[in-house]
PDB file of N, CA and C in Angstrom:
ATOM      1  N   UNK A   1     135.139  62.746 114.388  1.00  0.00           N
ATOM      2  CA  UNK A   1     134.014  61.885 114.073  1.00  0.00           C
ATOM      3  C   UNK A   1     132.861  62.251 114.990  1.00  0.00           C
ATOM      4  N   UNK A   2     131.708  62.362 114.433  1.00  0.00           N
ATOM      5  CA  UNK A   2     130.551  62.736 115.234  1.00  0.00           C
ATOM      6  C   UNK A   2     130.062  61.540 116.033  1.00  0.00           C
ATOM      7  N   UNK A   3     129.349  61.822 117.128  1.00  0.00           N
ATOM      8  CA  UNK A   3     128.779  60.734 117.921  1.00  0.00           C
ATOM      9  C   UNK A   3     127.812  59.916 117.085  1.00  0.00           C
ATOM     10  N   UNK A   4     127.109  60.580 116.200  1.00  0.00           N
ATOM     11  CA  UNK A   4     126.153  59.871 115.348  1.00  0.00           C
ATOM     12  C   UNK A   4     126.861  58.857 114.473  1.00  0.00           C
ATOM     13  N   UNK A   5     127.981  59.222 113.879  1.00  0.00           N
ATOM     14  CA  UNK A   5     128.717  58.300 113.011  1.00  0.00           C
ATOM     15  C   UNK A   5     129.289  57.144 113.810  1.00  0.00           C
ATOM     16  N   UNK A   6     129.716  57.395 115.062  1.00  0.00           N
ATOM     17  CA  UNK A   6     130.297  56.331 115.868  1.00  0.00           C
ATOM     18  C   UNK A   6     129.234  55.352 116.342  1.00  0.00           C
ATOM     19  N   UNK A   7     127.981  55.752 116.398  1.00  0.00           N
ATOM     20  CA  UNK A   7     126.957  54.901 116.953  1.00  0.00           C
ATOM     21  C   UNK A   7     126.252  54.065 115.886  1.00  0.00           C
ATOM     22  N   UNK A   8     126.673  54.173 114.643  1.00  0.00           N
ATOM     23  CA  UNK A   8     126.062  53.376 113.596  1.00  0.00           C
ATOM     24  C   UNK A   8     126.277  51.898 113.879  1.00  0.00           C
ATOM     25  N   UNK A   9     125.372  51.104 113.402  1.00  0.00           N
ATOM     26  CA  UNK A   9     125.464  49.675 113.633  1.00  0.00           C
ATOM     27  C   UNK A   9     126.669  49.090 112.915  1.00  0.00           C
ATOM     28  N   UNK A  10     127.310  48.027 113.511  1.00  0.00           N
ATOM     29  CA  UNK A  10     128.424  47.383 112.839  1.00  0.00           C
ATOM     30  C   UNK A  10     127.986  46.887 111.464  1.00  0.00           C
ATOM     31  N   UNK A  11     128.876  47.030 110.524  1.00  0.00           N
ATOM     32  CA  UNK A  11     128.579  46.563 109.181  1.00  0.00           C
ATOM     33  C   UNK A  11     127.879  47.600 108.322  1.00  0.00           C
ATOM     34  N   UNK A  12     127.386  48.683 108.940  1.00  0.00           N
ATOM     35  CA  UNK A  12     126.738  49.736 108.162  1.00  0.00           C
ATOM     36  C   UNK A  12     127.804  50.452 107.347  1.00  0.00           C
ATOM     37  N   UNK A  13     127.545  50.702 106.072  1.00  0.00           N
ATOM     38  CA  UNK A  13     128.558  51.358 105.259  1.00  0.00           C
ATOM     39  C   UNK A  13     128.752  52.806 105.673  1.00  0.00           C
ATOM     40  N   UNK A  14     129.945  53.109 106.151  1.00  0.00           N
ATOM     41  CA  UNK A  14     130.278  54.472 106.515  1.00  0.00           C
ATOM     42  C   UNK A  14     131.648  54.785 105.941  1.00  0.00           C
ATOM     43  N   UNK A  15     131.874  56.025 105.668  1.00  0.00           N
ATOM     44  CA  UNK A  15     133.176  56.438 105.181  1.00  0.00           C
ATOM     45  C   UNK A  15     133.409  57.840 105.696  1.00  0.00           C
ATOM     46  N   UNK A  16     134.443  57.996 106.502  1.00  0.00           N
ATOM     47  CA  UNK A  16     134.729  59.337 107.007  1.00  0.00           C
ATOM     48  C   UNK A  16     135.437  60.143 105.956  1.00  0.00           C
ATOM     49  N   UNK A  17     136.316  59.486 105.235  1.00  0.00           N
ATOM     50  CA  UNK A  17     137.186  60.218 104.332  1.00  0.00           C
ATOM     51  C   UNK A  17     137.536  59.352 103.133  1.00  0.00           C
ATOM     52  N   UNK A  18     137.780  59.981 101.982  1.00  0.00           N
ATOM     53  CA  UNK A  18     138.206  59.199 100.826  1.00  0.00           C
ATOM     54  C   UNK A  18     139.639  58.719 101.027  1.00  0.00           C
ATOM     55  N   UNK A  19     140.063  57.793 100.203  1.00  0.00           N
ATOM     56  CA  UNK A  19     141.437  57.317 100.257  1.00  0.00           C
ATOM     57  C   UNK A  19     142.382  58.478  99.984  1.00  0.00           C
ATOM     58  N   UNK A  20     143.460  58.534 100.753  1.00  0.00           N
ATOM     59  CA  UNK A  20     144.447  59.596 100.538  1.00  0.00           C
ATOM     60  C   UNK A  20     145.163  59.401  99.202  1.00  0.00           C
ATOM     61  N   UNK A  21     145.046  58.211  98.640  1.00  0.00           N
ATOM     62  CA  UNK A  21     145.695  57.915  97.372  1.00  0.00           C
ATOM     63  C   UNK A  21     144.782  58.147  96.176  1.00  0.00           C
ATOM     64  N   UNK A  22     143.501  58.394  96.429  1.00  0.00           N
ATOM     65  CA  UNK A  22     142.537  58.544  95.341  1.00  0.00           C
ATOM     66  C   UNK A  22     142.429  59.982  94.836  1.00  0.00           C
ATOM     67  N   UNK A  23     142.496  60.931  95.748  1.00  0.00           N
ATOM     68  CA  UNK A  23     142.323  62.337  95.377  1.00  0.00           C
ATOM     69  C   UNK A  23     142.870  63.214  96.496  1.00  0.00           C
ATOM     70  N   UNK A  24     143.135  64.465  96.204  1.00  0.00           N
ATOM     71  CA  UNK A  24     143.587  65.380  97.270  1.00  0.00           C
ATOM     72  C   UNK A  24     142.519  65.501  98.362  1.00  0.00           C
ATOM     73  N   UNK A  25     142.964  65.540  99.602  1.00  0.00           N
ATOM     74  CA  UNK A  25     142.052  65.668 100.740  1.00  0.00           C
ATOM     75  C   UNK A  25     141.775  67.131 101.043  1.00  0.00           C
ATOM     76  N   UNK A  26     140.566  67.385 101.515  1.00  0.00           N
ATOM     77  CA  UNK A  26     140.238  68.704 102.030  1.00  0.00           C
ATOM     78  C   UNK A  26     140.795  68.842 103.434  1.00  0.00           C
ATOM     79  N   UNK A  27     140.780  70.040 103.963  1.00  0.00           N
ATOM     80  CA  UNK A  27     141.333  70.302 105.294  1.00  0.00           C
ATOM     81  C   UNK A  27     140.612  69.500 106.377  1.00  0.00           C
ATOM     82  N   UNK A  28     139.283  69.425 106.321  1.00  0.00           N
ATOM     83  CA  UNK A  28     138.520  68.703 107.340  1.00  0.00           C
ATOM     84  C   UNK A  28     138.802  67.205 107.277  1.00  0.00           C
ATOM     85  N   UNK A  29     138.862  66.663 106.068  1.00  0.00           N
ATOM     86  CA  UNK A  29     139.145  65.230 105.909  1.00  0.00           C
ATOM     87  C   UNK A  29     140.550  64.896 106.399  1.00  0.00           C
ATOM     88  N   UNK A  30     141.514  65.740 106.056  1.00  0.00           N
ATOM     89  CA  UNK A  30     142.890  65.514 106.487  1.00  0.00           C
ATOM     90  C   UNK A  30     142.998  65.579 108.008  1.00  0.00           C
ATOM     91  N   UNK A  31     142.283  66.512 108.618  1.00  0.00           N
ATOM     92  CA  UNK A  31     142.301  66.651 110.069  1.00  0.00           C
ATOM     93  C   UNK A  31     141.697  65.422 110.743  1.00  0.00           C
ATOM     94  N   UNK A  32     140.583  64.931 110.205  1.00  0.00           N
ATOM     95  CA  UNK A  32     139.913  63.749 110.748  1.00  0.00           C
ATOM     96  C   UNK A  32     140.825  62.525 110.686  1.00  0.00           C
ATOM     97  N   UNK A  33     141.467  62.328 109.556  1.00  0.00           N
ATOM     98  CA  UNK A  33     142.382  61.197 109.405  1.00  0.00           C
ATOM     99  C   UNK A  33     143.611  61.346 110.296  1.00  0.00           C
ATOM    100  N   UNK A  34     144.163  62.548 110.350  1.00  0.00           N
ATOM    101  CA  UNK A  34     145.349  62.782 111.174  1.00  0.00           C
ATOM    102  C   UNK A  34     145.054  62.495 112.647  1.00  0.00           C
ATOM    103  N   UNK A  35     143.865  62.840 113.105  1.00  0.00           N
ATOM    104  CA  UNK A  35     143.467  62.561 114.481  1.00  0.00           C
ATOM    105  C   UNK A  35     143.503  61.057 114.759  1.00  0.00           C
ATOM    106  N   UNK A  36     142.960  60.270 113.849  1.00  0.00           N
ATOM    107  CA  UNK A  36     142.956  58.821 114.030  1.00  0.00           C
ATOM    108  C   UNK A  36     144.344  58.215 113.952  1.00  0.00           C
ATOM    109  N   UNK A  37     145.117  58.619 112.949  1.00  0.00           N
ATOM    110  CA  UNK A  37     146.457  58.057 112.796  1.00  0.00           C
ATOM    111  C   UNK A  37     147.396  58.518 113.903  1.00  0.00           C
ATOM    112  N   UNK A  38     147.213  59.729 114.376  1.00  0.00           N
ATOM    113  CA  UNK A  38     148.028  60.233 115.481  1.00  0.00           C
ATOM    114  C   UNK A  38     147.830  59.380 116.736  1.00  0.00           C
ATOM    115  N   UNK A  39     146.604  58.981 116.987  1.00  0.00           N
ATOM    116  CA  UNK A  39     146.315  58.144 118.153  1.00  0.00           C
ATOM    117  C   UNK A  39     147.011  56.789 118.050  1.00  0.00           C
ATOM    118  N   UNK A  40     147.285  56.359 116.830  1.00  0.00           N
ATOM    119  CA  UNK A  40     147.953  55.067 116.625  1.00  0.00           C
ATOM    120  C   UNK A  40     149.472  55.173 116.689  1.00  0.00           C
ATOM    121  N   UNK A  41     149.999  56.369 116.878  1.00  0.00           N
ATOM    122  CA  UNK A  41     151.438  56.583 116.769  1.00  0.00           C
ATOM    123  C   UNK A  41     152.225  56.276 118.037  1.00  0.00           C
ATOM    124  N   UNK A  42     151.604  55.679 119.016  1.00  0.00           N
ATOM    125  CA  UNK A  42     152.284  55.359 120.269  1.00  0.00           C
ATOM    126  C   UNK A  42     152.292  53.848 120.477  1.00  0.00           C
ATOM    127  N   UNK A  43     153.445  53.263 120.813  1.00  0.00           N
ATOM    128  CA  UNK A  43     153.512  51.802 121.008  1.00  0.00           C
ATOM    129  C   UNK A  43     152.553  51.280 122.084  1.00  0.00           C
ATOM    130  N   UNK A  44     152.371  52.025 123.156  1.00  0.00           N
ATOM    131  CA  UNK A  44     151.456  51.581 124.217  1.00  0.00           C
ATOM    132  C   UNK A  44     150.021  51.530 123.693  1.00  0.00           C
ATOM    133  N   UNK A  45     149.630  52.515 122.900  1.00  0.00           N
ATOM    134  CA  UNK A  45     148.271  52.521 122.358  1.00  0.00           C
ATOM    135  C   UNK A  45     148.080  51.400 121.335  1.00  0.00           C
ATOM    136  N   UNK A  46     149.100  51.107 120.562  1.00  0.00           N
ATOM    137  CA  UNK A  46     149.004  49.968 119.638  1.00  0.00           C
ATOM    138  C   UNK A  46     148.853  48.663 120.409  1.00  0.00           C
ATOM    139  N   UNK A  47     149.558  48.547 121.530  1.00  0.00           N
ATOM    140  CA  UNK A  47     149.429  47.343 122.355  1.00  0.00           C
ATOM    141  C   UNK A  47     148.024  47.239 122.949  1.00  0.00           C
ATOM    142  N   UNK A  48     147.458  48.369 123.353  1.00  0.00           N
ATOM    143  CA  UNK A  48     146.084  48.372 123.878  1.00  0.00           C
ATOM    144  C   UNK A  48     145.129  47.857 122.809  1.00  0.00           C
ATOM    145  N   UNK A  49     145.246  48.374 121.586  1.00  0.00           N
ATOM    146  CA  UNK A  49     144.379  47.913 120.501  1.00  0.00           C
ATOM    147  C   UNK A  49     144.567  46.423 120.253  1.00  0.00           C
ATOM    148  N   UNK A  50     145.803  45.966 120.304  1.00  0.00           N
ATOM    149  CA  UNK A  50     146.095  44.549 120.103  1.00  0.00           C
ATOM    150  C   UNK A  50     145.449  43.690 121.195  1.00  0.00           C
ATOM    151  N   UNK A  51     145.536  44.145 122.430  1.00  0.00           N
ATOM    152  CA  UNK A  51     144.928  43.410 123.542  1.00  0.00           C
ATOM    153  C   UNK A  51     143.408  43.370 123.402  1.00  0.00           C
ATOM    154  N   UNK A  52     142.827  44.470 122.983  1.00  0.00           N
ATOM    155  CA  UNK A  52     141.373  44.497 122.785  1.00  0.00           C
ATOM    156  C   UNK A  52     140.966  43.556 121.654  1.00  0.00           C
ATOM    157  N   UNK A  53     141.717  43.565 120.569  1.00  0.00           N
ATOM    158  CA  UNK A  53     141.399  42.704 119.430  1.00  0.00           C
ATOM    159  C   UNK A  53     141.532  41.230 119.793  1.00  0.00           C
ATOM    160  N   UNK A  54     142.465  40.905 120.677  1.00  0.00           N
ATOM    161  CA  UNK A  54     142.707  39.517 121.052  1.00  0.00           C
ATOM    162  C   UNK A  54     141.799  39.025 122.169  1.00  0.00           C
ATOM    163  N   UNK A  55     141.055  39.921 122.792  1.00  0.00           N
ATOM    164  CA  UNK A  55     140.200  39.542 123.914  1.00  0.00           C
ATOM    165  C   UNK A  55     139.040  38.666 123.454  1.00  0.00           C
ATOM    166  N   UNK A  56     138.914  37.457 124.019  1.00  0.00           N
ATOM    167  CA  UNK A  56     137.796  36.580 123.630  1.00  0.00           C
ATOM    168  C   UNK A  56     136.429  37.191 123.929  1.00  0.00           C
ATOM    169  N   UNK A  57     136.346  38.012 124.978  1.00  0.00           N
ATOM    170  CA  UNK A  57     135.077  38.638 125.343  1.00  0.00           C
ATOM    171  C   UNK A  57     134.787  39.869 124.501  1.00  0.00           C
ATOM    172  N   UNK A  58     135.803  40.379 123.797  1.00  0.00           N
ATOM    173  CA  UNK A  58     135.613  41.566 122.986  1.00  0.00           C
ATOM    174  C   UNK A  58     135.741  42.860 123.763  1.00  0.00           C
ATOM    175  N   UNK A  59     136.058  42.770 125.046  1.00  0.00           N
ATOM    176  CA  UNK A  59     136.230  43.953 125.875  1.00  0.00           C
ATOM    177  C   UNK A  59     137.218  43.644 126.990  1.00  0.00           C
ATOM    178  N   UNK A  60     137.846  44.704 127.491  1.00  0.00           N
ATOM    179  CA  UNK A  60     138.847  44.557 128.550  1.00  0.00           C
ATOM    180  C   UNK A  60     138.631  45.666 129.568  1.00  0.00           C
ATOM    181  N   UNK A  61     138.732  45.306 130.844  1.00  0.00           N
ATOM    182  CA  UNK A  61     138.619  46.285 131.922  1.00  0.00           C
ATOM    183  C   UNK A  61     139.895  47.125 131.950  1.00  0.00           C
ATOM    184  N   UNK A  62     139.750  48.401 132.221  1.00  0.00           N
ATOM    185  CA  UNK A  62     140.901  49.297 132.288  1.00  0.00           C
ATOM    186  C   UNK A  62     141.949  48.764 133.258  1.00  0.00           C
ATOM    187  N   UNK A  63     141.528  48.112 134.313  1.00  0.00           N
ATOM    188  CA  UNK A  63     142.463  47.595 135.315  1.00  0.00           C
ATOM    189  C   UNK A  63     143.347  46.484 134.763  1.00  0.00           C
ATOM    190  N   UNK A  64     142.928  45.840 133.685  1.00  0.00           N
ATOM    191  CA  UNK A  64     143.687  44.734 133.114  1.00  0.00           C
ATOM    192  C   UNK A  64     144.805  45.176 132.166  1.00  0.00           C
ATOM    193  N   UNK A  65     144.917  46.474 131.910  1.00  0.00           N
ATOM    194  CA  UNK A  65     145.975  46.981 131.036  1.00  0.00           C
ATOM    195  C   UNK A  65     147.238  47.345 131.803  1.00  0.00           C
ATOM    196  N   UNK A  66     147.122  47.643 133.079  1.00  0.00           N
ATOM    197  CA  UNK A  66     148.233  48.187 133.857  1.00  0.00           C
ATOM    198  C   UNK A  66     149.442  47.258 133.856  1.00  0.00           C
ATOM    199  N   UNK A  67     149.268  46.026 134.255  1.00  0.00           N
ATOM    200  CA  UNK A  67     150.406  45.106 134.368  1.00  0.00           C
ATOM    201  C   UNK A  67     151.036  44.762 133.019  1.00  0.00           C
ATOM    202  N   UNK A  68     150.252  44.346 132.004  1.00  0.00           N
ATOM    203  CA  UNK A  68     150.885  43.993 130.726  1.00  0.00           C
ATOM    204  C   UNK A  68     151.610  45.168 130.062  1.00  0.00           C
ATOM    205  N   UNK A  69     151.110  46.373 130.255  1.00  0.00           N
ATOM    206  CA  UNK A  69     151.741  47.545 129.643  1.00  0.00           C
ATOM    207  C   UNK A  69     152.884  48.095 130.487  1.00  0.00           C
ATOM    208  N   UNK A  70     152.966  47.657 131.739  1.00  0.00           N
ATOM    209  CA  UNK A  70     153.968  48.169 132.685  1.00  0.00           C
ATOM    210  C   UNK A  70     153.880  49.702 132.781  1.00  0.00           C
ATOM    211  N   UNK A  71     152.653  50.188 132.840  1.00  0.00           N
ATOM    212  CA  UNK A  71     152.382  51.617 132.966  1.00  0.00           C
ATOM    213  C   UNK A  71     151.504  51.832 134.191  1.00  0.00           C
ATOM    214  N   UNK A  72     151.553  53.033 134.744  1.00  0.00           N
ATOM    215  CA  UNK A  72     150.698  53.345 135.886  1.00  0.00           C
ATOM    216  C   UNK A  72     149.255  53.492 135.418  1.00  0.00           C
ATOM    217  N   UNK A  73     148.325  53.395 136.360  1.00  0.00           N
ATOM    218  CA  UNK A  73     146.903  53.535 136.032  1.00  0.00           C
ATOM    219  C   UNK A  73     146.607  54.884 135.363  1.00  0.00           C
ATOM    220  N   UNK A  74     147.153  56.000 135.869  1.00  0.00           N
ATOM    221  CA  UNK A  74     146.882  57.275 135.187  1.00  0.00           C
ATOM    222  C   UNK A  74     147.415  57.309 133.749  1.00  0.00           C
ATOM    223  N   UNK A  75     148.561  56.686 133.511  1.00  0.00           N
ATOM    224  CA  UNK A  75     149.121  56.659 132.157  1.00  0.00           C
ATOM    225  C   UNK A  75     148.261  55.812 131.234  1.00  0.00           C
ATOM    226  N   UNK A  76     147.816  54.668 131.721  1.00  0.00           N
ATOM    227  CA  UNK A  76     146.921  53.813 130.934  1.00  0.00           C
ATOM    228  C   UNK A  76     145.636  54.573 130.611  1.00  0.00           C
ATOM    229  N   UNK A  77     145.082  55.245 131.598  1.00  0.00           N
ATOM    230  CA  UNK A  77     143.849  56.019 131.381  1.00  0.00           C
ATOM    231  C   UNK A  77     144.061  57.115 130.344  1.00  0.00           C
ATOM    232  N   UNK A  78     145.222  57.748 130.372  1.00  0.00           N
ATOM    233  CA  UNK A  78     145.529  58.776 129.371  1.00  0.00           C
ATOM    234  C   UNK A  78     145.522  58.175 127.969  1.00  0.00           C
ATOM    235  N   UNK A  79     146.194  57.041 127.794  1.00  0.00           N
ATOM    236  CA  UNK A  79     146.242  56.398 126.475  1.00  0.00           C
ATOM    237  C   UNK A  79     144.845  55.992 126.003  1.00  0.00           C
ATOM    238  N   UNK A  80     144.033  55.485 126.900  1.00  0.00           N
ATOM    239  CA  UNK A  80     142.668  55.109 126.535  1.00  0.00           C
ATOM    240  C   UNK A  80     141.824  56.338 126.189  1.00  0.00           C
ATOM    241  N   UNK A  81     142.076  57.445 126.866  1.00  0.00           N
ATOM    242  CA  UNK A  81     141.367  58.696 126.555  1.00  0.00           C
ATOM    243  C   UNK A  81     141.722  59.164 125.142  1.00  0.00           C
ATOM    244  N   UNK A  82     142.996  59.059 124.767  1.00  0.00           N
ATOM    245  CA  UNK A  82     143.424  59.457 123.425  1.00  0.00           C
ATOM    246  C   UNK A  82     142.759  58.568 122.377  1.00  0.00           C
ATOM    247  N   UNK A  83     142.763  57.255 122.626  1.00  0.00           N
ATOM    248  CA  UNK A  83     142.123  56.323 121.687  1.00  0.00           C
ATOM    249  C   UNK A  83     140.617  56.573 121.596  1.00  0.00           C
ATOM    250  N   UNK A  84     140.007  56.872 122.716  1.00  0.00           N
ATOM    251  CA  UNK A  84     138.572  57.142 122.740  1.00  0.00           C
ATOM    252  C   UNK A  84     138.250  58.440 121.994  1.00  0.00           C
ATOM    253  N   UNK A  85     139.044  59.476 122.213  1.00  0.00           N
ATOM    254  CA  UNK A  85     138.823  60.756 121.532  1.00  0.00           C
ATOM    255  C   UNK A  85     138.961  60.614 120.019  1.00  0.00           C
ATOM    256  N   UNK A  86     139.805  59.680 119.580  1.00  0.00           N
ATOM    257  CA  UNK A  86     139.990  59.432 118.150  1.00  0.00           C
ATOM    258  C   UNK A  86     138.918  58.499 117.599  1.00  0.00           C
ATOM    259  N   UNK A  87     138.041  58.016 118.480  1.00  0.00           N
ATOM    260  CA  UNK A  87     136.958  57.142 118.047  1.00  0.00           C
ATOM    261  C   UNK A  87     137.376  55.697 117.820  1.00  0.00           C
ATOM    262  N   UNK A  88     138.546  55.315 118.321  1.00  0.00           N
ATOM    263  CA  UNK A  88     139.062  53.963 118.073  1.00  0.00           C
ATOM    264  C   UNK A  88     138.583  52.937 119.093  1.00  0.00           C
ATOM    265  N   UNK A  89     138.174  53.401 120.272  1.00  0.00           N
ATOM    266  CA  UNK A  89     137.657  52.499 121.299  1.00  0.00           C
ATOM    267  C   UNK A  89     136.399  53.101 121.907  1.00  0.00           C
ATOM    268  N   UNK A  90     135.597  52.226 122.484  1.00  0.00           N
ATOM    269  CA  UNK A  90     134.397  52.624 123.226  1.00  0.00           C
ATOM    270  C   UNK A  90     134.618  52.253 124.683  1.00  0.00           C
ATOM    271  N   UNK A  91     134.187  53.109 125.603  1.00  0.00           N
ATOM    272  CA  UNK A  91     134.261  52.810 127.023  1.00  0.00           C
ATOM    273  C   UNK A  91     132.875  52.655 127.611  1.00  0.00           C
ATOM    274  N   UNK A  92     132.735  51.688 128.507  1.00  0.00           N
ATOM    275  CA  UNK A  92     131.458  51.431 129.172  1.00  0.00           C
ATOM    276  C   UNK A  92     131.712  51.362 130.676  1.00  0.00           C
ATOM    277  N   UNK A  93     131.295  52.403 131.412  1.00  0.00           N
ATOM    278  CA  UNK A  93     131.527  52.435 132.858  1.00  0.00           C
ATOM    279  C   UNK A  93     130.585  51.467 133.560  1.00  0.00           C
ATOM    280  N   UNK A  94     131.187  50.630 134.396  1.00  0.00           N
ATOM    281  CA  UNK A  94     130.430  49.686 135.234  1.00  0.00           C
ATOM    282  C   UNK A  94     130.960  49.817 136.648  1.00  0.00           C
ATOM    283  N   UNK A  95     130.217  50.489 137.481  1.00  0.00           N
ATOM    284  CA  UNK A  95     130.701  50.744 138.834  1.00  0.00           C
ATOM    285  C   UNK A  95     131.889  51.679 138.776  1.00  0.00           C
ATOM    286  N   UNK A  96     133.001  51.276 139.408  1.00  0.00           N
ATOM    287  CA  UNK A  96     134.167  52.153 139.401  1.00  0.00           C
ATOM    288  C   UNK A  96     135.125  51.860 138.247  1.00  0.00           C
ATOM    289  N   UNK A  97     134.850  50.836 137.443  1.00  0.00           N
ATOM    290  CA  UNK A  97     135.737  50.471 136.335  1.00  0.00           C
ATOM    291  C   UNK A  97     135.094  50.779 134.991  1.00  0.00           C
ATOM    292  N   UNK A  98     135.950  50.969 134.004  1.00  0.00           N
ATOM    293  CA  UNK A  98     135.487  51.176 132.636  1.00  0.00           C
ATOM    294  C   UNK A  98     135.985  50.002 131.800  1.00  0.00           C
ATOM    295  N   UNK A  99     135.091  49.431 131.024  1.00  0.00           N
ATOM    296  CA  UNK A  99     135.418  48.326 130.127  1.00  0.00           C
ATOM    297  C   UNK A  99     135.502  48.887 128.711  1.00  0.00           C
ATOM    298  N   UNK A 100     136.575  48.543 128.014  1.00  0.00           N
ATOM    299  CA  UNK A 100     136.815  49.083 126.677  1.00  0.00           C
ATOM    300  C   UNK A 100     136.678  48.013 125.608  1.00  0.00           C
ATOM    301  N   UNK A 101     136.197  48.448 124.440  1.00  0.00           N
ATOM    302  CA  UNK A 101     136.098  47.574 123.275  1.00  0.00           C
ATOM    303  C   UNK A 101     136.527  48.369 122.051  1.00  0.00           C
ATOM    304  N   UNK A 102     136.906  47.658 121.007  1.00  0.00           N
ATOM    305  CA  UNK A 102     137.330  48.308 119.766  1.00  0.00           C
ATOM    306  C   UNK A 102     136.148  48.882 119.012  1.00  0.00           C
ATOM    307  N   UNK A 103     136.387  49.972 118.333  1.00  0.00           N
ATOM    308  CA  UNK A 103     135.427  50.502 117.373  1.00  0.00           C
ATOM    309  C   UNK A 103     135.949  50.046 116.006  1.00  0.00           C
ATOM    310  N   UNK A 104     135.542  48.865 115.606  1.00  0.00           N
ATOM    311  CA  UNK A 104     136.053  48.265 114.370  1.00  0.00           C
ATOM    312  C   UNK A 104     135.682  49.070 113.128  1.00  0.00           C
ATOM    313  N   UNK A 105     134.566  49.767 113.174  1.00  0.00           N
ATOM    314  CA  UNK A 105     134.163  50.599 112.032  1.00  0.00           C
ATOM    315  C   UNK A 105     135.160  51.733 111.828  1.00  0.00           C
ATOM    316  N   UNK A 106     135.602  52.355 112.909  1.00  0.00           N
ATOM    317  CA  UNK A 106     136.575  53.440 112.807  1.00  0.00           C
ATOM    318  C   UNK A 106     137.915  52.921 112.291  1.00  0.00           C
ATOM    319  N   UNK A 107     138.336  51.758 112.783  1.00  0.00           N
ATOM    320  CA  UNK A 107     139.576  51.167 112.282  1.00  0.00           C
ATOM    321  C   UNK A 107     139.472  50.862 110.790  1.00  0.00           C
ATOM    322  N   UNK A 108     138.308  50.402 110.369  1.00  0.00           N
ATOM    323  CA  UNK A 108     138.093  50.112 108.949  1.00  0.00           C
ATOM    324  C   UNK A 108     138.156  51.396 108.120  1.00  0.00           C
ATOM    325  N   UNK A 109     137.642  52.495 108.656  1.00  0.00           N
ATOM    326  CA  UNK A 109     137.719  53.782 107.953  1.00  0.00           C
ATOM    327  C   UNK A 109     139.172  54.199 107.743  1.00  0.00           C
ATOM    328  N   UNK A 110     139.980  54.057 108.767  1.00  0.00           N
ATOM    329  CA  UNK A 110     141.389  54.434 108.649  1.00  0.00           C
ATOM    330  C   UNK A 110     142.110  53.532 107.655  1.00  0.00           C
ATOM    331  N   UNK A 111     141.802  52.245 107.726  1.00  0.00           N
ATOM    332  CA  UNK A 111     142.403  51.288 106.786  1.00  0.00           C
ATOM    333  C   UNK A 111     142.015  51.643 105.348  1.00  0.00           C
ATOM    334  N   UNK A 112     140.750  51.959 105.135  1.00  0.00           N
ATOM    335  CA  UNK A 112     140.273  52.295 103.790  1.00  0.00           C
ATOM    336  C   UNK A 112     140.906  53.579 103.275  1.00  0.00           C
ATOM    337  N   UNK A 113     141.245  54.486 104.174  1.00  0.00           N
ATOM    338  CA  UNK A 113     141.821  55.762 103.754  1.00  0.00           C
ATOM    339  C   UNK A 113     143.217  55.612 103.172  1.00  0.00           C
ATOM    340  N   UNK A 114     143.898  54.518 103.500  1.00  0.00           N
ATOM    341  CA  UNK A 114     145.247  54.319 102.951  1.00  0.00           C
ATOM    342  C   UNK A 114     145.271  53.178 101.934  1.00  0.00           C
ATOM    343  N   UNK A 115     144.105  52.625 101.657  1.00  0.00           N
ATOM    344  CA  UNK A 115     143.989  51.572 100.646  1.00  0.00           C
ATOM    345  C   UNK A 115     144.055  52.215  99.270  1.00  0.00           C
ATOM    346  N   UNK A 116     144.572  51.464  98.322  1.00  0.00           N
ATOM    347  CA  UNK A 116     144.670  52.011  96.960  1.00  0.00           C
ATOM    348  C   UNK A 116     143.447  51.758  96.151  1.00  0.00           C
TER     349      UNK A 116
END
C-alpha cells in the first residue's frame, strides 16, 4: 500500500484490491492482500489489533502491550513493525515512546477482499 493511499481521510472510498471471490486476482493484487493477511496470521498481532480496537482513546502506547501480551519489548516492537508494514496500524512517536492506532481503512479493504 502506498503512503498516499494510507493517508486518505477516514471514510474516503478506497479499494486496494477486488474481492478474491469476484474475479481472478492479478499478481500485484494477490501480493498486496497476502501482505495484509500474513500480518494477521499471528495470535500476538491479533491481540494487538484487539487491544487497539478496544482502547477508549483510540491509541495505545507501545509500553502498554508488554505485560498483557507477556512478550518482551523487542518482541512487541517486532509485531508492531509487521502490522505497520502491512498498513494495519499507524505509529506516532512522542518522545521516547510510540503510540499506535488502527488503520481502519486498511482493515476494511481486507474485509472487503473476502466479502462475497
